[in-house]
Amino acid sequence: MPLVKRTAKHFDIPEVSADKAYLSRWNMDTVDGFGGIPFTAFKTNTAVPKDDSVWARMYHYFMFNREEYLAHYHKRSNA
């Protein structure tokens, strides 16, 4: 996510909302690495993660607190 990297040079990044096209462990790790929380849409065929990665934590947040997760995710509609 080059945009996240450039933005982090000048601003704090509390969270990033992104659509399914940006759903990857690398993108989530990038946002997390700059102190942000990645709110990315999950695909319907996403496999349940078995590790303790940012991906896994966000997947479980999405599955168990969907309404709250989607409230953050849908902020991207304001851009």
PDB file of N, CA and C in Angstrom:
ATOM      1  N   MET A   1       0.829  -1.174   0.000  1.00  0.00           N
ATOM      2  CA  MET A   1       0.000   0.000   0.000  1.00  0.00           C
ATOM      3  C   MET A   1       0.883   1.250   0.000  1.00  0.00           C
ATOM      4  N   PRO A   2       1.312   1.646  -1.149  1.00  0.00           N
ATOM      5  CA  PRO A   2       2.172   2.827  -1.234  1.00  0.00           C
ATOM      6  C   PRO A   2       1.519   4.084  -0.658  1.00  0.00           C
ATOM      7  N   LEU A   3       0.219   4.226  -0.818  1.00  0.00           N
ATOM      8  CA  LEU A   3      -0.465   5.406  -0.296  1.00  0.00           C
ATOM      9  C   LEU A   3      -0.357   5.471   1.226  1.00  0.00           C
ATOM     10  N   VAL A   4      -0.486   4.330   1.885  1.00  0.00           N
ATOM     11  CA  VAL A   4      -0.369   4.285   3.347  1.00  0.00           C
ATOM     12  C   VAL A   4       1.046   4.689   3.759  1.00  0.00           C
ATOM     13  N   LYS A   5       2.034   4.185   3.062  1.00  0.00           N
ATOM     14  CA  LYS A   5       3.422   4.507   3.398  1.00  0.00           C
ATOM     15  C   LYS A   5       3.712   5.997   3.229  1.00  0.00           C
ATOM     16  N   ARG A   6       3.214   6.577   2.138  1.00  0.00           N
ATOM     17  CA  ARG A   6       3.428   8.019   1.916  1.00  0.00           C
ATOM     18  C   ARG A   6       2.675   8.848   2.946  1.00  0.00           C
ATOM     19  N   THR A   7       1.460   8.452   3.257  1.00  0.00           N
ATOM     20  CA  THR A   7       0.640   9.190   4.222  1.00  0.00           C
ATOM     21  C   THR A   7       1.271   9.151   5.608  1.00  0.00           C
ATOM     22  N   ALA A   8       1.824   8.006   5.985  1.00  0.00           N
ATOM     23  CA  ALA A   8       2.412   7.840   7.317  1.00  0.00           C
ATOM     24  C   ALA A   8       3.630   8.737   7.541  1.00  0.00           C
ATOM     25  N   LYS A   9       4.228   9.233   6.477  1.00  0.00           N
ATOM     26  CA  LYS A   9       5.363  10.140   6.621  1.00  0.00           C
ATOM     27  C   LYS A   9       4.944  11.491   7.196  1.00  0.00           C
ATOM     28  N   HIS A  10       3.667  11.846   7.029  1.00  0.00           N
ATOM     29  CA  HIS A  10       3.202  13.171   7.435  1.00  0.00           C
ATOM     30  C   HIS A  10       2.043  13.164   8.429  1.00  0.00           C
ATOM     31  N   PHE A  11       1.374  12.027   8.578  1.00  0.00           N
ATOM     32  CA  PHE A  11       0.183  11.953   9.422  1.00  0.00           C
ATOM     33  C   PHE A  11       0.165  10.670  10.239  1.00  0.00           C
ATOM     34  N   ASP A  12      -0.529  10.715  11.372  1.00  0.00           N
ATOM     35  CA  ASP A  12      -0.838   9.491  12.111  1.00  0.00           C
ATOM     36  C   ASP A  12      -1.958   8.789  11.363  1.00  0.00           C
ATOM     37  N   ILE A  13      -1.942   7.470  11.393  1.00  0.00           N
ATOM     38  CA  ILE A  13      -2.968   6.692  10.703  1.00  0.00           C
ATOM     39  C   ILE A  13      -3.681   5.827  11.742  1.00  0.00           C
ATOM     40  N   PRO A  14      -4.819   6.290  12.260  1.00  0.00           N
ATOM     41  CA  PRO A  14      -5.516   5.490  13.266  1.00  0.00           C
ATOM     42  C   PRO A  14      -6.215   4.267  12.673  1.00  0.00           C
ATOM     43  N   GLU A  15      -6.733   4.402  11.451  1.00  0.00           N
ATOM     44  CA  GLU A  15      -7.364   3.260  10.794  1.00  0.00           C
ATOM     45  C   GLU A  15      -7.398   3.487   9.292  1.00  0.00           C
ATOM     46  N   VAL A  16      -7.521   2.376   8.560  1.00  0.00           N
ATOM     47  CA  VAL A  16      -7.615   2.422   7.105  1.00  0.00           C
ATOM     48  C   VAL A  16      -8.759   1.519   6.686  1.00  0.00           C
ATOM     49  N   SER A  17      -9.661   2.048   5.876  1.00  0.00           N
ATOM     50  CA  SER A  17     -10.760   1.266   5.311  1.00  0.00           C
ATOM     51  C   SER A  17     -10.437   0.977   3.856  1.00  0.00           C
ATOM     52  N   ALA A  18     -10.613  -0.278   3.456  1.00  0.00           N
ATOM     53  CA  ALA A  18     -10.290  -0.659   2.080  1.00  0.00           C
ATOM     54  C   ALA A  18     -11.241  -1.747   1.606  1.00  0.00           C
ATOM     55  N   ASP A  19     -11.487  -1.771   0.296  1.00  0.00           N
ATOM     56  CA  ASP A  19     -12.383  -2.793  -0.227  1.00  0.00           C
ATOM     57  C   ASP A  19     -11.647  -4.114  -0.437  1.00  0.00           C
ATOM     58  N   LYS A  20     -12.361  -5.100  -0.948  1.00  0.00           N
ATOM     59  CA  LYS A  20     -11.829  -6.465  -1.076  1.00  0.00           C
ATOM     60  C   LYS A  20     -10.597  -6.565  -1.962  1.00  0.00           C
ATOM     61  N   ALA A  21     -10.433  -5.616  -2.866  1.00  0.00           N
ATOM     62  CA  ALA A  21      -9.265  -5.651  -3.752  1.00  0.00           C
ATOM     63  C   ALA A  21      -7.958  -5.528  -2.964  1.00  0.00           C
ATOM     64  N   TYR A  22      -8.023  -4.962  -1.766  1.00  0.00           N
ATOM     65  CA  TYR A  22      -6.830  -4.760  -0.938  1.00  0.00           C
ATOM     66  C   TYR A  22      -6.717  -5.791   0.184  1.00  0.00           C
ATOM     67  N   LEU A  23      -7.524  -6.831   0.114  1.00  0.00           N
ATOM     68  CA  LEU A  23      -7.502  -7.868   1.142  1.00  0.00           C
ATOM     69  C   LEU A  23      -6.277  -8.761   0.958  1.00  0.00           C
ATOM     70  N   SER A  24      -5.269  -8.500   1.763  1.00  0.00           N
ATOM     71  CA  SER A  24      -4.075  -9.349   1.777  1.00  0.00           C
ATOM     72  C   SER A  24      -3.405  -9.192   3.130  1.00  0.00           C
ATOM     73  N   ARG A  25      -2.684 -10.197   3.510  1.00  0.00           N
ATOM     74  CA  ARG A  25      -1.954 -10.130   4.782  1.00  0.00           C
ATOM     75  C   ARG A  25      -0.925  -9.000   4.740  1.00  0.00           C
ATOM     76  N   TRP A  26      -0.265  -8.847   3.601  1.00  0.00           N
ATOM     77  CA  TRP A  26       0.751  -7.807   3.462  1.00  0.00           C
ATOM     78  C   TRP A  26       0.151  -6.430   3.690  1.00  0.00           C
ATOM     79  N   ASN A  27      -1.011  -6.152   3.090  1.00  0.00           N
ATOM     80  CA  ASN A  27      -1.643  -4.850   3.270  1.00  0.00           C
ATOM     81  C   ASN A  27      -2.052  -4.633   4.722  1.00  0.00           C
ATOM     82  N   MET A  28      -2.617  -5.651   5.349  1.00  0.00           N
ATOM     83  CA  MET A  28      -3.006  -5.513   6.764  1.00  0.00           C
ATOM     84  C   MET A  28      -1.786  -5.310   7.647  1.00  0.00           C
ATOM     85  N   ASP A  29      -0.714  -6.032   7.365  1.00  0.00           N
ATOM     86  CA  ASP A  29       0.527  -5.869   8.136  1.00  0.00           C
ATOM     87  C   ASP A  29       1.113  -4.473   7.948  1.00  0.00           C
ATOM     88  N   THR A  30       1.000  -3.928   6.740  1.00  0.00           N
ATOM     89  CA  THR A  30       1.516  -2.581   6.467  1.00  0.00           C
ATOM     90  C   THR A  30       0.786  -1.548   7.307  1.00  0.00           C
ATOM     91  N   VAL A  31      -0.539  -1.607   7.307  1.00  0.00           N
ATOM     92  CA  VAL A  31      -1.341  -0.664   8.094  1.00  0.00           C
ATOM     93  C   VAL A  31      -1.014  -0.820   9.572  1.00  0.00           C
ATOM     94  N   ASP A  32      -0.959  -2.049  10.050  1.00  0.00           N
ATOM     95  CA  ASP A  32      -0.637  -2.322  11.451  1.00  0.00           C
ATOM     96  C   ASP A  32       0.759  -1.811  11.802  1.00  0.00           C
ATOM     97  N   GLY A  33       1.685  -1.945  10.894  1.00  0.00           N
ATOM     98  CA  GLY A  33       3.054  -1.496  11.121  1.00  0.00           C
ATOM     99  C   GLY A  33       3.173   0.008  11.333  1.00  0.00           C
ATOM    100  N   PHE A  34       2.216   0.755  10.813  1.00  0.00           N
ATOM    101  CA  PHE A  34       2.205   2.201  11.004  1.00  0.00           C
ATOM    102  C   PHE A  34       1.257   2.607  12.119  1.00  0.00           C
ATOM    103  N   GLY A  35       0.812   1.625  12.907  1.00  0.00           N
ATOM    104  CA  GLY A  35      -0.025   1.918  14.072  1.00  0.00           C
ATOM    105  C   GLY A  35      -1.502   2.034  13.781  1.00  0.00           C
ATOM    106  N   GLY A  36      -1.919   1.694  12.584  1.00  0.00           N
ATOM    107  CA  GLY A  36      -3.326   1.783  12.215  1.00  0.00           C
ATOM    108  C   GLY A  36      -4.042   0.451  12.334  1.00  0.00           C
ATOM    109  N   ILE A  37      -5.351   0.519  12.276  1.00  0.00           N
ATOM    110  CA  ILE A  37      -6.183  -0.681  12.295  1.00  0.00           C
ATOM    111  C   ILE A  37      -6.768  -0.840  10.897  1.00  0.00           C
ATOM    112  N   PRO A  38      -6.521  -1.993  10.241  1.00  0.00           N
ATOM    113  CA  PRO A  38      -7.027  -2.185   8.885  1.00  0.00           C
ATOM    114  C   PRO A  38      -8.458  -2.728   8.878  1.00  0.00           C
ATOM    115  N   PHE A  39      -9.375  -1.969   8.309  1.00  0.00           N
ATOM    116  CA  PHE A  39     -10.754  -2.426   8.153  1.00  0.00           C
ATOM    117  C   PHE A  39     -10.968  -2.706   6.672  1.00  0.00           C
ATOM    118  N   THR A  40     -10.705  -3.946   6.294  1.00  0.00           N
ATOM    119  CA  THR A  40     -10.813  -4.372   4.909  1.00  0.00           C
ATOM    120  C   THR A  40     -11.965  -5.359   4.791  1.00  0.00           C
ATOM    121  N   ALA A  41     -12.719  -5.265   3.706  1.00  0.00           N
ATOM    122  CA  ALA A  41     -13.822  -6.202   3.488  1.00  0.00           C
ATOM    123  C   ALA A  41     -13.266  -7.604   3.272  1.00  0.00           C
ATOM    124  N   PHE A  42     -13.895  -8.578   3.899  1.00  0.00           N
ATOM    125  CA  PHE A  42     -13.491  -9.972   3.706  1.00  0.00           C
ATOM    126  C   PHE A  42     -14.356 -10.613   2.629  1.00  0.00           C
ATOM    127  N   LYS A  43     -13.752 -11.492   1.857  1.00  0.00           N
ATOM    128  CA  LYS A  43     -14.476 -12.219   0.819  1.00  0.00           C
ATOM    129  C   LYS A  43     -15.285 -13.343   1.463  1.00  0.00           C
ATOM    130  N   THR A  44     -16.342 -13.754   0.795  1.00  0.00           N
ATOM    131  CA  THR A  44     -17.208 -14.792   1.357  1.00  0.00           C
ATOM    132  C   THR A  44     -16.491 -16.133   1.482  1.00  0.00           C
ATOM    133  N   ASN A  45     -15.461 -16.356   0.685  1.00  0.00           N
ATOM    134  CA  ASN A  45     -14.742 -17.632   0.740  1.00  0.00           C
ATOM    135  C   ASN A  45     -13.455 -17.564   1.558  1.00  0.00           C
ATOM    136  N   THR A  46     -13.311 -16.534   2.392  1.00  0.00           N
ATOM    137  CA  THR A  46     -12.114 -16.406   3.221  1.00  0.00           C
ATOM    138  C   THR A  46     -12.050 -17.557   4.215  1.00  0.00           C
ATOM    139  N   ALA A  47     -10.924 -18.248   4.243  1.00  0.00           N
ATOM    140  CA  ALA A  47     -10.736 -19.372   5.170  1.00  0.00           C
ATOM    141  C   ALA A  47     -10.484 -18.838   6.584  1.00  0.00           C
ATOM    142  N   VAL A  48     -10.953 -19.583   7.561  1.00  0.00           N
ATOM    143  CA  VAL A  48     -10.749 -19.203   8.962  1.00  0.00           C
ATOM    144  C   VAL A  48      -9.259 -19.305   9.281  1.00  0.00           C
ATOM    145  N   PRO A  49      -8.636 -18.208   9.701  1.00  0.00           N
ATOM    146  CA  PRO A  49      -7.205 -18.245  10.014  1.00  0.00           C
ATOM    147  C   PRO A  49      -6.941 -18.992  11.318  1.00  0.00           C
ATOM    148  N   LYS A  50      -5.801 -19.624  11.382  1.00  0.00           N
ATOM    149  CA  LYS A  50      -5.449 -20.415  12.558  1.00  0.00           C
ATOM    150  C   LYS A  50      -4.236 -19.858  13.295  1.00  0.00           C
ATOM    151  N   ASP A  51      -3.784 -18.675  12.902  1.00  0.00           N
ATOM    152  CA  ASP A  51      -2.612 -18.083  13.542  1.00  0.00           C
ATOM    153  C   ASP A  51      -3.023 -16.883  14.383  1.00  0.00           C
ATOM    154  N   ASP A  52      -2.054 -16.126  14.867  1.00  0.00           N
ATOM    155  CA  ASP A  52      -2.325 -14.941  15.675  1.00  0.00           C
ATOM    156  C   ASP A  52      -1.806 -13.699  14.952  1.00  0.00           C
ATOM    157  N   SER A  53      -2.175 -13.574  13.703  1.00  0.00           N
ATOM    158  CA  SER A  53      -1.723 -12.443  12.893  1.00  0.00           C
ATOM    159  C   SER A  53      -2.746 -11.315  12.945  1.00  0.00           C
ATOM    160  N   VAL A  54      -2.377 -10.183  12.377  1.00  0.00           N
ATOM    161  CA  VAL A  54      -3.314  -9.069  12.241  1.00  0.00           C
ATOM    162  C   VAL A  54      -4.512  -9.552  11.430  1.00  0.00           C
ATOM    163  N   TRP A  55      -4.239 -10.308  10.379  1.00  0.00           N
ATOM    164  CA  TRP A  55      -5.297 -10.868   9.531  1.00  0.00           C
ATOM    165  C   TRP A  55      -6.291 -11.654  10.385  1.00  0.00           C
ATOM    166  N   ALA A  56      -5.787 -12.527  11.229  1.00  0.00           N
ATOM    167  CA  ALA A  56      -6.653 -13.371  12.067  1.00  0.00           C
ATOM    168  C   ALA A  56      -7.452 -12.519  13.052  1.00  0.00           C
ATOM    169  N   ARG A  57      -6.792 -11.560  13.688  1.00  0.00           N
ATOM    170  CA  ARG A  57      -7.507 -10.713  14.653  1.00  0.00           C
ATOM    171  C   ARG A  57      -8.617  -9.914  13.977  1.00  0.00           C
ATOM    172  N   MET A  58      -8.355  -9.378  12.792  1.00  0.00           N
ATOM    173  CA  MET A  58      -9.374  -8.602  12.086  1.00  0.00           C
ATOM    174  C   MET A  58     -10.486  -9.509  11.556  1.00  0.00           C
ATOM    175  N   TYR A  59     -10.134 -10.710  11.124  1.00  0.00           N
ATOM    176  CA  TYR A  59     -11.152 -11.661  10.664  1.00  0.00           C
ATOM    177  C   TYR A  59     -12.124 -11.984  11.799  1.00  0.00           C
ATOM    178  N   HIS A  60     -11.585 -12.273  12.977  1.00  0.00           N
ATOM    179  CA  HIS A  60     -12.440 -12.605  14.118  1.00  0.00           C
ATOM    180  C   HIS A  60     -13.242 -11.393  14.593  1.00  0.00           C
ATOM    181  N   TYR A  61     -12.648 -10.223  14.519  1.00  0.00           N
ATOM    182  CA  TYR A  61     -13.380  -8.995  14.838  1.00  0.00           C
ATOM    183  C   TYR A  61     -14.571  -8.868  13.883  1.00  0.00           C
ATOM    184  N   PHE A  62     -14.321  -9.084  12.602  1.00  0.00           N
ATOM    185  CA  PHE A  62     -15.373  -9.026  11.584  1.00  0.00           C
ATOM    186  C   PHE A  62     -16.470 -10.053  11.859  1.00  0.00           C
ATOM    187  N   MET A  63     -16.086 -11.269  12.185  1.00  0.00           N
ATOM    188  CA  MET A  63     -17.067 -12.342  12.376  1.00  0.00           C
ATOM    189  C   MET A  63     -17.890 -12.160  13.653  1.00  0.00           C
ATOM    190  N   PHE A  64     -17.293 -11.651  14.730  1.00  0.00           N
ATOM    191  CA  PHE A  64     -17.981 -11.599  16.017  1.00  0.00           C
ATOM    192  C   PHE A  64     -18.510 -10.210  16.390  1.00  0.00           C
ATOM    193  N   ASN A  65     -18.061  -9.180  15.683  1.00  0.00           N
ATOM    194  CA  ASN A  65     -18.540  -7.812  15.924  1.00  0.00           C
ATOM    195  C   ASN A  65     -18.811  -7.144  14.580  1.00  0.00           C
ATOM    196  N   ARG A  66     -19.548  -7.831  13.743  1.00  0.00           N
ATOM    197  CA  ARG A  66     -19.731  -7.394  12.357  1.00  0.00           C
ATOM    198  C   ARG A  66     -20.284  -5.973  12.241  1.00  0.00           C
ATOM    199  N   GLU A  67     -21.294  -5.651  13.026  1.00  0.00           N
ATOM    200  CA  GLU A  67     -21.906  -4.327  12.927  1.00  0.00           C
ATOM    201  C   GLU A  67     -20.887  -3.218  13.237  1.00  0.00           C
ATOM    202  N   GLU A  68     -20.120  -3.415  14.296  1.00  0.00           N
ATOM    203  CA  GLU A  68     -19.094  -2.429  14.669  1.00  0.00           C
ATOM    204  C   GLU A  68     -18.001  -2.352  13.603  1.00  0.00           C
ATOM    205  N   TYR A  69     -17.557  -3.509  13.131  1.00  0.00           N
ATOM    206  CA  TYR A  69     -16.523  -3.573  12.094  1.00  0.00           C
ATOM    207  C   TYR A  69     -16.988  -2.830  10.846  1.00  0.00           C
ATOM    208  N   LEU A  70     -18.222  -3.107  10.414  1.00  0.00           N
ATOM    209  CA  LEU A  70     -18.733  -2.493   9.195  1.00  0.00           C
ATOM    210  C   LEU A  70     -18.939  -0.987   9.351  1.00  0.00           C
ATOM    211  N   ALA A  71     -19.213  -0.525  10.564  1.00  0.00           N
ATOM    212  CA  ALA A  71     -19.324   0.920  10.795  1.00  0.00           C
ATOM    213  C   ALA A  71     -17.992   1.602  10.477  1.00  0.00           C
ATOM    214  N   HIS A  72     -16.878   0.965  10.847  1.00  0.00           N
ATOM    215  CA  HIS A  72     -15.552   1.500  10.523  1.00  0.00           C
ATOM    216  C   HIS A  72     -15.282   1.357   9.022  1.00  0.00           C
ATOM    217  N   TYR A  73     -15.567   0.180   8.496  1.00  0.00           N
ATOM    218  CA  TYR A  73     -15.302  -0.102   7.082  1.00  0.00           C
ATOM    219  C   TYR A  73     -16.036   0.869   6.167  1.00  0.00           C
ATOM    220  N   HIS A  74     -17.293   1.165   6.482  1.00  0.00           N
ATOM    221  CA  HIS A  74     -18.098   2.007   5.594  1.00  0.00           C
ATOM    222  C   HIS A  74     -17.709   3.479   5.623  1.00  0.00           C
ATOM    223  N   LYS A  75     -16.761   3.856   6.480  1.00  0.00           N
ATOM    224  CA  LYS A  75     -16.239   5.231   6.450  1.00  0.00           C
ATOM    225  C   LYS A  75     -15.555   5.516   5.113  1.00  0.00           C
ATOM    226  N   ARG A  76     -15.136   4.475   4.427  1.00  0.00           N
ATOM    227  CA  ARG A  76     -14.480   4.665   3.135  1.00  0.00           C
ATOM    228  C   ARG A  76     -15.424   5.273   2.123  1.00  0.00           C
ATOM    229  N   SER A  77     -16.728   5.121   2.330  1.00  0.00           N
ATOM    230  CA  SER A  77     -17.722   5.716   1.431  1.00  0.00           C
ATOM    231  C   SER A  77     -17.709   7.230   1.481  1.00  0.00           C
ATOM    232  N   ASN A  78     -17.132   7.797   2.542  1.00  0.00           N
ATOM    233  CA  ASN A  78     -17.080   9.252   2.693  1.00  0.00           C
ATOM    234  C   ASN A  78     -15.940   9.888   1.898  1.00  0.00           C
ATOM    235  N   ALA A  79     -15.024   9.079   1.447  1.00  0.00           N
ATOM    236  CA  ALA A  79     -13.849   9.629   0.745  1.00  0.00           C
ATOM    237  C   ALA A  79     -14.184  10.057  -0.665  1.00  0.00           C
TER     238      ALA A  79
END
